């Protein structure tokens, strides 16, 4: 049996050093800011239930959260609609890419909240009378998950909105199906701004921990969402969070997670810890290559794979 490490003393720098030599993957080039990301950026952070954050080098380098925002948009939509969002968006994995032009047959719903169609819809379901108000609501909600105020990269938001042709297509399709209420342009603008929120690995680990700990931020002690909402979000992360790689991810890593084209991955180990990794080069499914390796090592060496039997797991 592999000896299980204590997360309070786990050597994150050694983990980072082990994976930095990996040269696989390609940096996303959908917008200039992503294309210009440093391919050598590589960081990892853990947030424990007592609020302690442990992190490697590069863990405080800011990046746009991109699709790693999707679990938090889903949580806010569930909160603000008193659970009605579960009737408006599916929760089944698709086996297709994150931006596939596809809705559920017969319902016109997005297949799940972790693909772009679903995130466009959940961002439109948060409280707010117009796009600006919904963006403010999302900003407040993300700040609560993070335990601090977060900034938005306005250039990223502009380019996500301007160049997001497939998101516009999805929004128009949902409008045609009667699924989406705001205008397509407003829906894309709100989602683009959410994706442009700036975080770092340490902040994202705190956000993951807030979900993992039933909706209570371990740094501030404040409840951000009810425990039921956190449970529902983490459940869907487990089945859909890594798109058409979710099955392989759960076999190898076994931790609910959400990937992103910025190279970030947010992880939530229920009841135990949150984690985040950042490294821009991506595999064919849009998941950080080094991030996947670091996540798999964390799962094995901390003994936190959801389906492992017989591991002795130390209490943080």
C-alpha atoms as a PDB file:
ATOM      1  CA  UNK A   1       0.000   0.000   0.000  1.00  0.00           C
ATOM      2  CA  UNK A   2       1.254   3.485  -0.812  1.00  0.00           C
ATOM      3  CA  UNK A   3       2.140   5.465   2.302  1.00  0.00           C
ATOM      4  CA  UNK A   4      -0.336   8.319   2.687  1.00  0.00           C
ATOM      5  CA  UNK A   5       1.057  11.813   3.172  1.00  0.00           C
ATOM      6  CA  UNK A   6      -0.300  14.383   5.607  1.00  0.00           C
ATOM      7  CA  UNK A   7      -1.571  17.381   3.582  1.00  0.00           C
ATOM      8  CA  UNK A   8      -0.243  19.718   6.272  1.00  0.00           C
ATOM      9  CA  UNK A   9       3.293  18.628   5.446  1.00  0.00           C
ATOM     10  CA  UNK A  10       2.992  17.461   1.845  1.00  0.00           C
ATOM     11  CA  UNK A  11       5.903  18.723  -0.289  1.00  0.00           C
ATOM     12  CA  UNK A  12       4.187  20.744  -3.007  1.00  0.00           C
ATOM     13  CA  UNK A  13       7.486  22.072  -4.338  1.00  0.00           C
ATOM     14  CA  UNK A  14       8.727  18.549  -4.928  1.00  0.00           C
ATOM     15  CA  UNK A  15       5.481  17.715  -6.734  1.00  0.00           C
ATOM     16  CA  UNK A  16       5.847  20.806  -8.907  1.00  0.00           C
ATOM     17  CA  UNK A  17       9.450  19.918  -9.724  1.00  0.00           C
ATOM     18  CA  UNK A  18       8.416  16.399 -10.789  1.00  0.00           C
ATOM     19  CA  UNK A  19       5.948  17.610 -13.406  1.00  0.00           C
ATOM     20  CA  UNK A  20       7.670  20.750 -14.728  1.00  0.00           C
ATOM     21  CA  UNK A  21       9.726  18.726 -17.198  1.00  0.00           C
ATOM     22  CA  UNK A  22       6.537  17.550 -18.951  1.00  0.00           C
ATOM     23  CA  UNK A  23       6.325  19.294 -22.347  1.00  0.00           C
ATOM     24  CA  UNK A  24       3.088  17.872 -23.707  1.00  0.00           C
ATOM     25  CA  UNK A  25       0.022  19.910 -24.625  1.00  0.00           C
ATOM     26  CA  UNK A  26      -0.707  23.199 -26.341  1.00  0.00           C
ATOM     27  CA  UNK A  27      -1.638  26.596 -24.920  1.00  0.00           C
ATOM     28  CA  UNK A  28      -5.166  27.692 -25.868  1.00  0.00           C
ATOM     29  CA  UNK A  29      -5.217  30.412 -28.527  1.00  0.00           C
ATOM     30  CA  UNK A  30      -8.916  31.312 -28.634  1.00  0.00           C
ATOM     31  CA  UNK A  31      -8.156  34.848 -27.437  1.00  0.00           C
ATOM     32  CA  UNK A  32      -4.835  36.749 -27.426  1.00  0.00           C
ATOM     33  CA  UNK A  33      -4.501  36.820 -23.640  1.00  0.00           C
ATOM     34  CA  UNK A  34      -4.672  33.026 -23.425  1.00  0.00           C
ATOM     35  CA  UNK A  35      -2.370  32.544 -26.401  1.00  0.00           C
ATOM     36  CA  UNK A  36       0.241  34.725 -24.664  1.00  0.00           C
ATOM     37  CA  UNK A  37       0.198  32.729 -21.413  1.00  0.00           C
ATOM     38  CA  UNK A  38       3.567  31.502 -20.141  1.00  0.00           C
ATOM     39  CA  UNK A  39       3.723  27.767 -20.973  1.00  0.00           C
ATOM     40  CA  UNK A  40       6.196  27.239 -18.124  1.00  0.00           C
ATOM     41  CA  UNK A  41       3.765  28.547 -15.495  1.00  0.00           C
ATOM     42  CA  UNK A  42       3.152  25.729 -13.024  1.00  0.00           C
ATOM     43  CA  UNK A  43       1.615  26.055  -9.574  1.00  0.00           C
ATOM     44  CA  UNK A  44      -0.392  24.067  -7.049  1.00  0.00           C
ATOM     45  CA  UNK A  45      -2.189  24.981  -3.831  1.00  0.00           C
ATOM     46  CA  UNK A  46      -4.180  23.226  -1.109  1.00  0.00           C
ATOM     47  CA  UNK A  47      -6.723  24.721   1.295  1.00  0.00           C
ATOM     48  CA  UNK A  48      -7.465  22.726   4.446  1.00  0.00           C
ATOM     49  CA  UNK A  49     -10.622  22.801   6.606  1.00  0.00           C
ATOM     50  CA  UNK A  50      -9.021  25.124   9.158  1.00  0.00           C
ATOM     51  CA  UNK A  51      -8.353  27.668   6.417  1.00  0.00           C
ATOM     52  CA  UNK A  52      -4.647  26.917   6.125  1.00  0.00           C
ATOM     53  CA  UNK A  53      -3.408  27.379   2.559  1.00  0.00           C
ATOM     54  CA  UNK A  54      -0.282  25.570   1.427  1.00  0.00           C
ATOM     55  CA  UNK A  55       1.141  26.400  -1.971  1.00  0.00           C
ATOM     56  CA  UNK A  56       4.074  26.060  -4.340  1.00  0.00           C
ATOM     57  CA  UNK A  57       5.886  28.671  -6.395  1.00  0.00           C
ATOM     58  CA  UNK A  58       3.718  30.287  -9.111  1.00  0.00           C
ATOM     59  CA  UNK A  59       0.634  29.860  -6.909  1.00  0.00           C
ATOM     60  CA  UNK A  60       0.096  33.626  -6.680  1.00  0.00           C
ATOM     61  CA  UNK A  61       0.384  34.347 -10.396  1.00  0.00           C
ATOM     62  CA  UNK A  62      -2.961  35.775 -11.548  1.00  0.00           C
ATOM     63  CA  UNK A  63      -4.899  34.280 -14.469  1.00  0.00           C
ATOM     64  CA  UNK A  64      -8.454  34.461 -15.770  1.00  0.00           C
ATOM     65  CA  UNK A  65     -10.572  31.740 -14.213  1.00  0.00           C
ATOM     66  CA  UNK A  66     -12.270  30.772 -17.507  1.00  0.00           C
ATOM     67  CA  UNK A  67     -14.353  27.565 -17.279  1.00  0.00           C
ATOM     68  CA  UNK A  68     -13.283  26.895 -13.696  1.00  0.00           C
ATOM     69  CA  UNK A  69     -15.967  29.472 -12.853  1.00  0.00           C
ATOM     70  CA  UNK A  70     -18.742  27.120 -13.963  1.00  0.00           C
ATOM     71  CA  UNK A  71     -19.303  25.262 -10.662  1.00  0.00           C
ATOM     72  CA  UNK A  72     -19.675  28.583  -8.876  1.00  0.00           C
ATOM     73  CA  UNK A  73     -22.127  29.938 -11.457  1.00  0.00           C
ATOM     74  CA  UNK A  74     -24.165  26.764 -10.994  1.00  0.00           C
ATOM     75  CA  UNK A  75     -24.078  27.211  -7.218  1.00  0.00           C
ATOM     76  CA  UNK A  76     -25.259  30.823  -7.451  1.00  0.00           C
ATOM     77  CA  UNK A  77     -28.032  29.868  -9.885  1.00  0.00           C
ATOM     78  CA  UNK A  78     -29.233  27.108  -7.550  1.00  0.00           C
ATOM     79  CA  UNK A  79     -29.167  29.537  -4.629  1.00  0.00           C
ATOM     80  CA  UNK A  80     -30.916  32.409  -6.383  1.00  0.00           C
ATOM     81  CA  UNK A  81     -33.635  30.238  -7.966  1.00  0.00           C
ATOM     82  CA  UNK A  82     -34.216  28.169  -4.813  1.00  0.00           C
ATOM     83  CA  UNK A  83     -33.227  25.045  -6.716  1.00  0.00           C
ATOM     84  CA  UNK A  84     -35.284  25.752  -9.835  1.00  0.00           C
ATOM     85  CA  UNK A  85     -32.083  25.790 -11.885  1.00  0.00           C
ATOM     86  CA  UNK A  86     -32.123  21.989 -11.678  1.00  0.00           C
ATOM     87  CA  UNK A  87     -35.253  22.075 -13.842  1.00  0.00           C
ATOM     88  CA  UNK A  88     -33.665  24.451 -16.346  1.00  0.00           C
ATOM     89  CA  UNK A  89     -30.396  22.620 -17.020  1.00  0.00           C
ATOM     90  CA  UNK A  90     -29.575  18.926 -17.286  1.00  0.00           C
ATOM     91  CA  UNK A  91     -26.948  17.135 -15.214  1.00  0.00           C
ATOM     92  CA  UNK A  92     -25.835  14.348 -17.556  1.00  0.00           C
ATOM     93  CA  UNK A  93     -22.353  14.062 -19.132  1.00  0.00           C
ATOM     94  CA  UNK A  94     -22.227  14.562 -22.885  1.00  0.00           C
ATOM     95  CA  UNK A  95     -19.115  12.761 -24.112  1.00  0.00           C
ATOM     96  CA  UNK A  96     -18.591  15.798 -26.343  1.00  0.00           C
ATOM     97  CA  UNK A  97     -16.483  18.955 -26.293  1.00  0.00           C
ATOM     98  CA  UNK A  98     -17.259  21.839 -23.950  1.00  0.00           C
ATOM     99  CA  UNK A  99     -18.567  24.097 -26.734  1.00  0.00           C
ATOM    100  CA  UNK A 100     -20.554  21.518 -28.716  1.00  0.00           C
ATOM    101  CA  UNK A 101     -23.605  23.052 -30.386  1.00  0.00           C
ATOM    102  CA  UNK A 102     -26.000  20.672 -28.705  1.00  0.00           C
ATOM    103  CA  UNK A 103     -29.031  20.831 -26.416  1.00  0.00           C
ATOM    104  CA  UNK A 104     -31.119  18.076 -24.866  1.00  0.00           C
ATOM    105  CA  UNK A 105     -33.499  16.515 -27.345  1.00  0.00           C
ATOM    106  CA  UNK A 106     -37.115  17.336 -26.536  1.00  0.00           C
ATOM    107  CA  UNK A 107     -36.394  19.865 -23.797  1.00  0.00           C
ATOM    108  CA  UNK A 108     -34.028  22.380 -25.375  1.00  0.00           C
ATOM    109  CA  UNK A 109     -32.070  22.428 -22.107  1.00  0.00           C
ATOM    110  CA  UNK A 110     -28.278  22.475 -21.942  1.00  0.00           C
ATOM    111  CA  UNK A 111     -27.011  18.974 -21.121  1.00  0.00           C
ATOM    112  CA  UNK A 112     -25.218  20.066 -17.942  1.00  0.00           C
ATOM    113  CA  UNK A 113     -23.923  23.246 -16.240  1.00  0.00           C
ATOM    114  CA  UNK A 114     -20.240  22.426 -16.858  1.00  0.00           C
ATOM    115  CA  UNK A 115     -20.397  22.880 -20.653  1.00  0.00           C
ATOM    116  CA  UNK A 116     -20.657  26.319 -22.224  1.00  0.00           C
ATOM    117  CA  UNK A 117     -24.372  26.117 -23.005  1.00  0.00           C
ATOM    118  CA  UNK A 118     -25.097  25.265 -19.383  1.00  0.00           C
ATOM    119  CA  UNK A 119     -22.894  28.025 -18.019  1.00  0.00           C
ATOM    120  CA  UNK A 120     -24.499  30.597 -20.312  1.00  0.00           C
ATOM    121  CA  UNK A 121     -27.843  29.570 -18.866  1.00  0.00           C
ATOM    122  CA  UNK A 122     -26.819  29.403 -15.201  1.00  0.00           C
ATOM    123  CA  UNK A 123     -25.171  32.838 -15.460  1.00  0.00           C
ATOM    124  CA  UNK A 124     -28.494  34.151 -16.766  1.00  0.00           C
ATOM    125  CA  UNK A 125     -30.416  32.655 -13.816  1.00  0.00           C
ATOM    126  CA  UNK A 126     -28.662  34.560 -11.028  1.00  0.00           C
ATOM    127  CA  UNK A 127     -30.504  37.504  -9.530  1.00  0.00           C
ATOM    128  CA  UNK A 128     -30.428  40.725 -11.518  1.00  0.00           C
ATOM    129  CA  UNK A 129     -32.761  42.785 -13.671  1.00  0.00           C
ATOM    130  CA  UNK A 130     -30.249  43.211 -16.484  1.00  0.00           C
ATOM    131  CA  UNK A 131     -26.794  42.083 -17.619  1.00  0.00           C
ATOM    132  CA  UNK A 132     -24.961  44.603 -15.440  1.00  0.00           C
ATOM    133  CA  UNK A 133     -26.898  43.610 -12.334  1.00  0.00           C
ATOM    134  CA  UNK A 134     -26.294  39.905 -12.957  1.00  0.00           C
ATOM    135  CA  UNK A 135     -22.570  40.554 -13.418  1.00  0.00           C
ATOM    136  CA  UNK A 136     -22.497  42.422 -10.098  1.00  0.00           C
ATOM    137  CA  UNK A 137     -24.315  39.536  -8.410  1.00  0.00           C
ATOM    138  CA  UNK A 138     -21.814  37.036  -9.824  1.00  0.00           C
ATOM    139  CA  UNK A 139     -18.898  39.195  -8.706  1.00  0.00           C
ATOM    140  CA  UNK A 140     -20.271  39.297  -5.145  1.00  0.00           C
ATOM    141  CA  UNK A 141     -20.849  35.564  -5.152  1.00  0.00           C
ATOM    142  CA  UNK A 142     -17.381  34.717  -6.431  1.00  0.00           C
ATOM    143  CA  UNK A 143     -15.864  37.033  -3.826  1.00  0.00           C
ATOM    144  CA  UNK A 144     -17.733  35.136  -1.100  1.00  0.00           C
ATOM    145  CA  UNK A 145     -16.362  31.810  -2.360  1.00  0.00           C
ATOM    146  CA  UNK A 146     -12.850  33.275  -2.535  1.00  0.00           C
ATOM    147  CA  UNK A 147     -12.999  35.141   0.752  1.00  0.00           C
ATOM    148  CA  UNK A 148     -11.746  38.316  -0.910  1.00  0.00           C
ATOM    149  CA  UNK A 149     -12.666  40.787  -3.631  1.00  0.00           C
ATOM    150  CA  UNK A 150     -11.747  39.696  -7.160  1.00  0.00           C
ATOM    151  CA  UNK A 151     -10.944  41.833 -10.187  1.00  0.00           C
ATOM    152  CA  UNK A 152     -11.966  41.311 -13.808  1.00  0.00           C
ATOM    153  CA  UNK A 153      -9.545  41.518 -16.728  1.00  0.00           C
ATOM    154  CA  UNK A 154     -11.523  43.878 -18.960  1.00  0.00           C
ATOM    155  CA  UNK A 155      -9.516  42.982 -22.071  1.00  0.00           C
ATOM    156  CA  UNK A 156     -10.224  39.296 -21.558  1.00  0.00           C
ATOM    157  CA  UNK A 157     -13.922  40.014 -21.001  1.00  0.00           C
ATOM    158  CA  UNK A 158     -14.058  42.101 -24.186  1.00  0.00           C
ATOM    159  CA  UNK A 159     -12.366  39.446 -26.318  1.00  0.00           C
ATOM    160  CA  UNK A 160     -14.379  36.581 -24.829  1.00  0.00           C
ATOM    161  CA  UNK A 161     -17.517  38.494 -25.783  1.00  0.00           C
ATOM    162  CA  UNK A 162     -16.277  39.626 -29.188  1.00  0.00           C
ATOM    163  CA  UNK A 163     -14.692  36.358 -30.317  1.00  0.00           C
ATOM    164  CA  UNK A 164     -17.051  33.872 -28.671  1.00  0.00           C
ATOM    165  CA  UNK A 165     -18.897  32.916 -31.845  1.00  0.00           C
ATOM    166  CA  UNK A 166     -19.882  29.462 -30.626  1.00  0.00           C
ATOM    167  CA  UNK A 167     -21.188  30.918 -27.366  1.00  0.00           C
ATOM    168  CA  UNK A 168     -23.289  33.367 -29.365  1.00  0.00           C
ATOM    169  CA  UNK A 169     -24.568  30.456 -31.470  1.00  0.00           C
ATOM    170  CA  UNK A 170     -25.477  28.472 -28.336  1.00  0.00           C
ATOM    171  CA  UNK A 171     -27.232  31.468 -26.809  1.00  0.00           C
ATOM    172  CA  UNK A 172     -29.270  32.089 -29.959  1.00  0.00           C
ATOM    173  CA  UNK A 173     -30.160  28.386 -30.117  1.00  0.00           C
ATOM    174  CA  UNK A 174     -31.388  28.436 -26.518  1.00  0.00           C
ATOM    175  CA  UNK A 175     -33.362  31.605 -27.235  1.00  0.00           C
ATOM    176  CA  UNK A 176     -35.000  29.830 -30.192  1.00  0.00           C
ATOM    177  CA  UNK A 177     -35.874  26.885 -27.945  1.00  0.00           C
ATOM    178  CA  UNK A 178     -37.341  29.201 -25.297  1.00  0.00           C
ATOM    179  CA  UNK A 179     -34.731  28.076 -22.756  1.00  0.00           C
ATOM    180  CA  UNK A 180     -32.871  31.365 -22.389  1.00  0.00           C
ATOM    181  CA  UNK A 181     -34.734  34.510 -21.318  1.00  0.00           C
ATOM    182  CA  UNK A 182     -32.189  37.370 -21.681  1.00  0.00           C
ATOM    183  CA  UNK A 183     -30.952  38.385 -25.115  1.00  0.00           C
ATOM    184  CA  UNK A 184     -28.196  36.220 -26.548  1.00  0.00           C
ATOM    185  CA  UNK A 185     -25.768  39.131 -26.470  1.00  0.00           C
ATOM    186  CA  UNK A 186     -26.485  39.881 -22.812  1.00  0.00           C
ATOM    187  CA  UNK A 187     -26.094  36.219 -21.862  1.00  0.00           C
ATOM    188  CA  UNK A 188     -22.712  35.981 -23.585  1.00  0.00           C
ATOM    189  CA  UNK A 189     -21.555  39.271 -22.052  1.00  0.00           C
ATOM    190  CA  UNK A 190     -22.369  38.120 -18.502  1.00  0.00           C
ATOM    191  CA  UNK A 191     -20.686  34.761 -18.988  1.00  0.00           C
ATOM    192  CA  UNK A 192     -17.633  36.336 -20.654  1.00  0.00           C
ATOM    193  CA  UNK A 193     -17.178  38.693 -17.733  1.00  0.00           C
ATOM    194  CA  UNK A 194     -17.421  35.835 -15.248  1.00  0.00           C
ATOM    195  CA  UNK A 195     -14.750  33.895 -17.159  1.00  0.00           C
ATOM    196  CA  UNK A 196     -12.499  36.977 -17.116  1.00  0.00           C
ATOM    197  CA  UNK A 197     -12.428  37.090 -13.307  1.00  0.00           C
ATOM    198  CA  UNK A 198      -8.834  37.043 -12.096  1.00  0.00           C
ATOM    199  CA  UNK A 199      -7.756  34.432  -9.544  1.00  0.00           C
ATOM    200  CA  UNK A 200      -4.585  32.591  -8.616  1.00  0.00           C
ATOM    201  CA  UNK A 201      -4.048  28.995  -7.520  1.00  0.00           C
ATOM    202  CA  UNK A 202      -4.272  29.880  -3.826  1.00  0.00           C
ATOM    203  CA  UNK A 203      -7.575  31.701  -4.289  1.00  0.00           C
ATOM    204  CA  UNK A 204      -9.008  28.949  -6.455  1.00  0.00           C
ATOM    205  CA  UNK A 205      -8.059  26.356  -3.835  1.00  0.00           C
ATOM    206  CA  UNK A 206     -10.046  28.320  -1.229  1.00  0.00           C
ATOM    207  CA  UNK A 207     -13.003  28.405  -3.614  1.00  0.00           C
ATOM    208  CA  UNK A 208     -12.748  24.644  -4.102  1.00  0.00           C
ATOM    209  CA  UNK A 209     -12.531  24.135  -0.352  1.00  0.00           C
ATOM    210  CA  UNK A 210     -15.680  26.196   0.167  1.00  0.00           C
ATOM    211  CA  UNK A 211     -17.579  23.722  -2.013  1.00  0.00           C
ATOM    212  CA  UNK A 212     -15.827  20.733  -0.430  1.00  0.00           C
ATOM    213  CA  UNK A 213     -16.793  21.907   3.064  1.00  0.00           C
ATOM    214  CA  UNK A 214     -20.499  22.161   2.366  1.00  0.00           C
ATOM    215  CA  UNK A 215     -20.590  25.800   1.311  1.00  0.00           C
ATOM    216  CA  UNK A 216     -18.703  27.315   4.258  1.00  0.00           C
ATOM    217  CA  UNK A 217     -15.608  29.344   3.396  1.00  0.00           C
ATOM    218  CA  UNK A 218     -12.796  27.983   5.613  1.00  0.00           C
ATOM    219  CA  UNK A 219     -10.974  31.321   5.651  1.00  0.00           C
ATOM    220  CA  UNK A 220     -13.876  33.585   6.594  1.00  0.00           C
ATOM    221  CA  UNK A 221     -16.172  31.078   8.308  1.00  0.00           C
ATOM    222  CA  UNK A 222     -19.087  32.463   6.283  1.00  0.00           C
ATOM    223  CA  UNK A 223     -21.668  30.254   4.633  1.00  0.00           C
ATOM    224  CA  UNK A 224     -21.778  31.072   0.924  1.00  0.00           C
ATOM    225  CA  UNK A 225     -24.392  28.523  -0.142  1.00  0.00           C
ATOM    226  CA  UNK A 226     -26.477  25.884   1.659  1.00  0.00           C
ATOM    227  CA  UNK A 227     -24.904  22.451   2.116  1.00  0.00           C
ATOM    228  CA  UNK A 228     -27.423  20.935  -0.322  1.00  0.00           C
ATOM    229  CA  UNK A 229     -26.308  23.330  -3.050  1.00  0.00           C
ATOM    230  CA  UNK A 230     -22.637  22.536  -2.459  1.00  0.00           C
ATOM    231  CA  UNK A 231     -23.421  18.825  -2.568  1.00  0.00           C
ATOM    232  CA  UNK A 232     -25.282  19.133  -5.862  1.00  0.00           C
ATOM    233  CA  UNK A 233     -22.494  21.177  -7.439  1.00  0.00           C
ATOM    234  CA  UNK A 234     -19.710  18.816  -6.377  1.00  0.00           C
ATOM    235  CA  UNK A 235     -21.751  15.842  -7.623  1.00  0.00           C
ATOM    236  CA  UNK A 236     -22.023  17.350 -11.103  1.00  0.00           C
ATOM    237  CA  UNK A 237     -18.322  18.287 -11.065  1.00  0.00           C
ATOM    238  CA  UNK A 238     -17.587  14.594 -10.514  1.00  0.00           C
ATOM    239  CA  UNK A 239     -19.542  13.439 -13.557  1.00  0.00           C
ATOM    240  CA  UNK A 240     -19.169  16.375 -15.960  1.00  0.00           C
ATOM    241  CA  UNK A 241     -16.333  18.648 -14.810  1.00  0.00           C
ATOM    242  CA  UNK A 242     -13.659  17.465 -17.246  1.00  0.00           C
ATOM    243  CA  UNK A 243     -15.976  17.269 -20.278  1.00  0.00           C
ATOM    244  CA  UNK A 244     -15.420  14.222 -22.479  1.00  0.00           C
ATOM    245  CA  UNK A 245     -12.467  13.271 -20.277  1.00  0.00           C
ATOM    246  CA  UNK A 246     -14.556  13.033 -17.094  1.00  0.00           C
ATOM    247  CA  UNK A 247     -14.633   9.245 -16.979  1.00  0.00           C
ATOM    248  CA  UNK A 248     -10.891   8.912 -17.410  1.00  0.00           C
ATOM    249  CA  UNK A 249     -10.375  11.660 -14.834  1.00  0.00           C
ATOM    250  CA  UNK A 250     -12.510   9.981 -12.192  1.00  0.00           C
ATOM    251  CA  UNK A 251     -10.773   6.642 -12.723  1.00  0.00           C
ATOM    252  CA  UNK A 252      -7.276   8.106 -12.482  1.00  0.00           C
ATOM    253  CA  UNK A 253      -7.777  11.040 -10.092  1.00  0.00           C
ATOM    254  CA  UNK A 254     -11.082  10.297  -8.385  1.00  0.00           C
ATOM    255  CA  UNK A 255     -11.656  13.870  -7.179  1.00  0.00           C
ATOM    256  CA  UNK A 256     -14.544  16.112  -8.329  1.00  0.00           C
ATOM    257  CA  UNK A 257     -12.942  18.844 -10.413  1.00  0.00           C
ATOM    258  CA  UNK A 258     -13.449  21.493 -13.069  1.00  0.00           C
ATOM    259  CA  UNK A 259     -10.915  22.168 -15.796  1.00  0.00           C
ATOM    260  CA  UNK A 260     -10.447  25.338 -17.832  1.00  0.00           C
ATOM    261  CA  UNK A 261      -8.719  26.569 -20.980  1.00  0.00           C
ATOM    262  CA  UNK A 262      -6.493  28.855 -18.908  1.00  0.00           C
ATOM    263  CA  UNK A 263      -4.857  25.666 -17.625  1.00  0.00           C
ATOM    264  CA  UNK A 264      -6.420  25.876 -14.181  1.00  0.00           C
ATOM    265  CA  UNK A 265      -8.189  23.003 -12.448  1.00  0.00           C
ATOM    266  CA  UNK A 266     -10.194  23.450  -9.258  1.00  0.00           C
ATOM    267  CA  UNK A 267     -10.685  20.337  -7.108  1.00  0.00           C
ATOM    268  CA  UNK A 268     -13.025  19.648  -4.193  1.00  0.00           C
ATOM    269  CA  UNK A 269     -12.443  16.657  -1.903  1.00  0.00           C
ATOM    270  CA  UNK A 270     -15.717  16.502   0.068  1.00  0.00           C
ATOM    271  CA  UNK A 271     -15.203  17.177   3.748  1.00  0.00           C
ATOM    272  CA  UNK A 272     -11.427  17.257   3.447  1.00  0.00           C
ATOM    273  CA  UNK A 273      -9.845  19.960   1.303  1.00  0.00           C
ATOM    274  CA  UNK A 274      -9.873  22.119  -1.799  1.00  0.00           C
ATOM    275  CA  UNK A 275      -7.042  22.255  -4.305  1.00  0.00           C
ATOM    276  CA  UNK A 276      -6.089  24.079  -7.461  1.00  0.00           C
ATOM    277  CA  UNK A 277      -3.436  23.649 -10.105  1.00  0.00           C
ATOM    278  CA  UNK A 278      -2.390  25.959 -12.938  1.00  0.00           C
ATOM    279  CA  UNK A 279      -0.331  25.158 -16.033  1.00  0.00           C
ATOM    280  CA  UNK A 280      -1.468  26.469 -19.443  1.00  0.00           C
ATOM    281  CA  UNK A 281      -0.558  23.653 -21.918  1.00  0.00           C
ATOM    282  CA  UNK A 282      -3.711  21.583 -22.523  1.00  0.00           C
ATOM    283  CA  UNK A 283      -4.512  18.099 -23.772  1.00  0.00           C
ATOM    284  CA  UNK A 284      -7.094  17.303 -26.469  1.00  0.00           C
ATOM    285  CA  UNK A 285      -9.946  17.566 -23.930  1.00  0.00           C
ATOM    286  CA  UNK A 286      -8.878  21.055 -22.821  1.00  0.00           C
ATOM    287  CA  UNK A 287      -7.372  19.907 -19.518  1.00  0.00           C
ATOM    288  CA  UNK A 288      -3.985  21.025 -18.245  1.00  0.00           C
ATOM    289  CA  UNK A 289      -1.431  18.296 -18.950  1.00  0.00           C
ATOM    290  CA  UNK A 290       0.750  19.088 -15.942  1.00  0.00           C
ATOM    291  CA  UNK A 291      -2.356  19.851 -13.888  1.00  0.00           C
ATOM    292  CA  UNK A 292      -3.685  16.363 -14.555  1.00  0.00           C
ATOM    293  CA  UNK A 293      -0.367  14.844 -13.476  1.00  0.00           C
ATOM    294  CA  UNK A 294      -0.283  16.921 -10.283  1.00  0.00           C
ATOM    295  CA  UNK A 295      -3.906  16.075  -9.486  1.00  0.00           C
ATOM    296  CA  UNK A 296      -3.282  12.363  -9.951  1.00  0.00           C
ATOM    297  CA  UNK A 297      -0.249  12.534  -7.667  1.00  0.00           C
ATOM    298  CA  UNK A 298      -2.195  14.445  -5.007  1.00  0.00           C
ATOM    299  CA  UNK A 299      -4.976  11.882  -5.137  1.00  0.00           C
ATOM    300  CA  UNK A 300      -2.593   8.956  -4.731  1.00  0.00           C
ATOM    301  CA  UNK A 301      -0.194  10.466  -2.243  1.00  0.00           C
ATOM    302  CA  UNK A 302      -2.800  12.123  -0.014  1.00  0.00           C
ATOM    303  CA  UNK A 303      -5.130   9.126  -0.226  1.00  0.00           C
ATOM    304  CA  UNK A 304      -8.147  11.138  -1.377  1.00  0.00           C
ATOM    305  CA  UNK A 305      -9.364   9.168  -4.406  1.00  0.00           C
ATOM    306  CA  UNK A 306     -13.141   8.931  -3.947  1.00  0.00           C
ATOM    307  CA  UNK A 307     -13.242   5.219  -4.715  1.00  0.00           C
ATOM    308  CA  UNK A 308     -10.046   3.960  -3.104  1.00  0.00           C
ATOM    309  CA  UNK A 309     -10.620   1.305  -0.440  1.00  0.00           C
ATOM    310  CA  UNK A 310      -8.284   0.626   2.436  1.00  0.00           C
ATOM    311  CA  UNK A 311      -6.305   3.856   2.488  1.00  0.00           C
ATOM    312  CA  UNK A 312      -5.597   5.349   5.899  1.00  0.00           C
ATOM    313  CA  UNK A 313      -6.503   9.002   5.470  1.00  0.00           C
ATOM    314  CA  UNK A 314      -5.086  11.400   8.067  1.00  0.00           C
ATOM    315  CA  UNK A 315      -7.402  14.087   9.351  1.00  0.00           C
ATOM    316  CA  UNK A 316      -6.136  17.579   8.395  1.00  0.00           C
END
